[in-house]
Protein backbone atom coordinates (compact mmCIF):
# COMPACT_ATOMS: atom_id res chain seq x y z
CA MET A 1 103.97 121.09 24.31
CA ILE A 2 102.26 118.03 25.97
CA THR A 3 101.06 118.61 29.52
CA ALA A 4 101.33 116.04 32.34
CA ALA A 5 97.49 115.62 32.25
CA GLN A 6 97.70 114.79 28.55
CA THR A 7 100.40 112.18 28.98
CA LYS A 8 98.27 110.40 31.58
CA SER A 9 95.50 110.00 29.02
CA ILE A 10 97.79 108.38 26.37
CA THR A 11 97.92 104.60 26.08
CA THR A 12 100.45 102.41 24.27
CA THR A 13 99.70 99.14 22.61
CA VAL A 14 102.38 96.82 21.15
CA MET A 15 101.28 95.84 17.66
CA LEU A 16 104.20 93.62 16.91
CA ALA A 17 106.69 92.71 19.63
CA PRO A 18 110.30 93.33 18.53
CA ALA A 19 111.74 90.10 17.22
CA GLU A 20 113.99 88.73 14.51
CA CYS A 21 111.69 88.14 11.51
CA ALA A 22 112.84 85.84 8.69
CA ASN A 23 110.32 87.13 6.23
CA THR A 24 107.25 89.36 5.70
CA ALA A 25 104.88 86.80 7.20
CA ALA A 26 106.81 86.82 10.43
CA ALA A 27 106.83 90.64 10.46
CA THR A 28 103.05 90.88 10.00
CA GLN A 29 100.61 91.47 12.81
CA GLY A 30 97.94 88.82 12.92
CA THR A 31 95.08 90.48 14.76
CA GLY A 32 94.26 94.19 14.40
CA VAL A 33 94.18 96.77 17.20
CA ASP A 34 90.67 98.00 17.73
CA ILE A 35 90.81 101.82 17.65
CA SER A 36 87.08 102.49 18.07
CA GLY A 37 87.69 103.73 21.60
CA TYR A 38 90.28 106.36 20.49
CA GLU A 39 90.06 109.85 19.07
CA GLY A 40 92.35 112.35 17.42
CA THR A 41 95.77 111.36 16.20
CA LEU A 42 97.41 107.97 16.59
CA LEU A 43 101.23 107.78 16.72
CA PHE A 44 102.77 104.62 15.31
CA THR A 45 106.45 103.87 16.08
CA GLN A 46 108.42 101.28 14.20
CA LEU A 47 111.64 99.98 15.74
CA VAL A 48 114.22 98.32 13.41
CA GLY A 49 117.36 96.66 14.63
CA VAL A 50 119.79 94.75 12.46
CA VAL A 51 118.75 93.96 8.89
CA THR A 52 120.97 91.05 7.89
CA ALA A 53 120.39 91.30 4.16
CA GLY A 54 118.01 93.26 1.90
CA THR A 55 115.54 95.73 3.20
CA ILE A 56 112.41 96.15 5.31
CA VAL A 57 109.58 98.62 4.67
CA GLY A 58 106.91 98.97 7.40
CA SER A 59 103.31 99.90 6.67
CA ILE A 60 100.33 100.77 8.76
CA ILE A 61 97.14 99.23 7.44
CA THR A 62 93.48 99.60 8.38
CA SER A 63 90.52 97.25 7.96
CA ALA A 64 86.90 96.92 9.09
CA SER A 65 87.81 93.30 10.25
CA SER A 66 89.95 92.19 13.22
CA ASN A 67 91.74 89.76 10.98
CA LEU A 68 92.81 92.73 8.88
CA SER A 69 91.25 91.38 5.67
CA SER A 70 90.87 93.72 2.71
CA PRO A 71 93.30 96.25 4.21
CA THR A 72 94.02 99.82 3.10
CA THR A 73 97.54 101.28 3.62
CA VAL A 74 97.37 104.53 5.67
CA ALA A 75 101.04 105.17 6.34
CA THR A 76 104.51 103.87 5.26
CA PHE A 77 107.78 104.08 7.09
CA THR A 78 111.14 104.77 5.48
CA SER A 79 112.87 101.73 3.94
CA CYS A 80 115.63 100.34 6.16
CA GLY A 81 118.59 98.32 4.80
CA THR A 82 121.70 96.50 6.02
CA SER A 83 123.47 99.81 6.60
CA THR A 84 120.68 100.88 8.98
CA ASP A 85 121.12 99.78 12.53
CA LEU A 86 118.72 100.55 15.43
CA ILE A 87 116.37 103.05 13.97
CA ALA A 88 113.12 104.31 15.48
CA GLU A 89 110.64 106.23 13.24
CA SER A 90 107.14 107.48 14.05
CA VAL A 91 104.27 108.39 11.76
CA SER A 92 100.94 109.87 12.75
CA VAL A 93 97.52 109.08 11.39
CA GLU A 94 94.17 110.59 12.24
CA CYS A 95 91.63 108.17 13.69
CA SER A 96 89.12 109.48 11.21
CA ALA A 97 91.37 108.17 8.35
CA CYS A 98 91.07 104.65 9.70
CA GLN A 99 88.51 101.91 9.90
CA GLN A 100 87.94 100.07 13.20
CA TYR A 101 91.14 98.03 13.17
CA VAL A 102 94.79 98.97 12.45
CA GLY A 103 97.81 96.69 11.84
CA TYR A 104 101.48 96.58 10.93
CA ILE A 105 103.13 94.86 8.01
CA GLY A 106 106.95 94.73 7.75
CA THR A 107 107.75 93.93 4.14
CA ILE A 108 111.14 92.10 4.12
CA THR A 109 112.84 91.66 0.78
CA THR A 110 115.55 89.37 2.21
CA GLY A 111 115.69 88.52 5.85
CA PRO A 112 116.09 88.36 8.64
CA ALA A 113 115.34 91.80 10.11
CA VAL A 114 114.71 92.73 13.71
CA THR A 115 111.57 94.87 13.90
CA GLY A 116 108.58 95.76 16.13
CA CYS A 117 105.81 98.35 16.18
CA ALA A 118 103.65 100.11 18.74
CA VAL A 119 100.75 102.61 18.62
CA LEU A 120 100.05 105.42 21.08
CA GLY A 121 96.69 107.13 21.24
CA SER A 122 94.19 109.02 23.40
CA PRO A 123 91.03 107.14 24.57
CA LYS A 124 87.77 108.90 23.91
CA TYR A 125 86.74 108.65 27.54
CA VAL A 126 89.45 109.00 30.19
């Protein structure tokens, strides 16, 4: 169980604000979130609204660069299709499994799809 003191030390960062995304490029975060000030487990939450056609598969990537070049995938969300409306899914990743920056890519086969992603974590020094 999480205590009240622990919840005060958790911060939330929006990686991709929820929006209607026509394609993968629109559902891809441009600048990575710097996690060098965090420790322990990061909790990534993907929110998916209406998927008009096709599917969307969200992924969490990590890179040594803030522009997320040469990324490595560290987690993947469940594929969501047109029959899936308003779903929230979370995956956890240890900070030690990541490089300095993390990002979100929503791979859309046929759009648009409404999607967004946020990360919750504990700073090293509270």
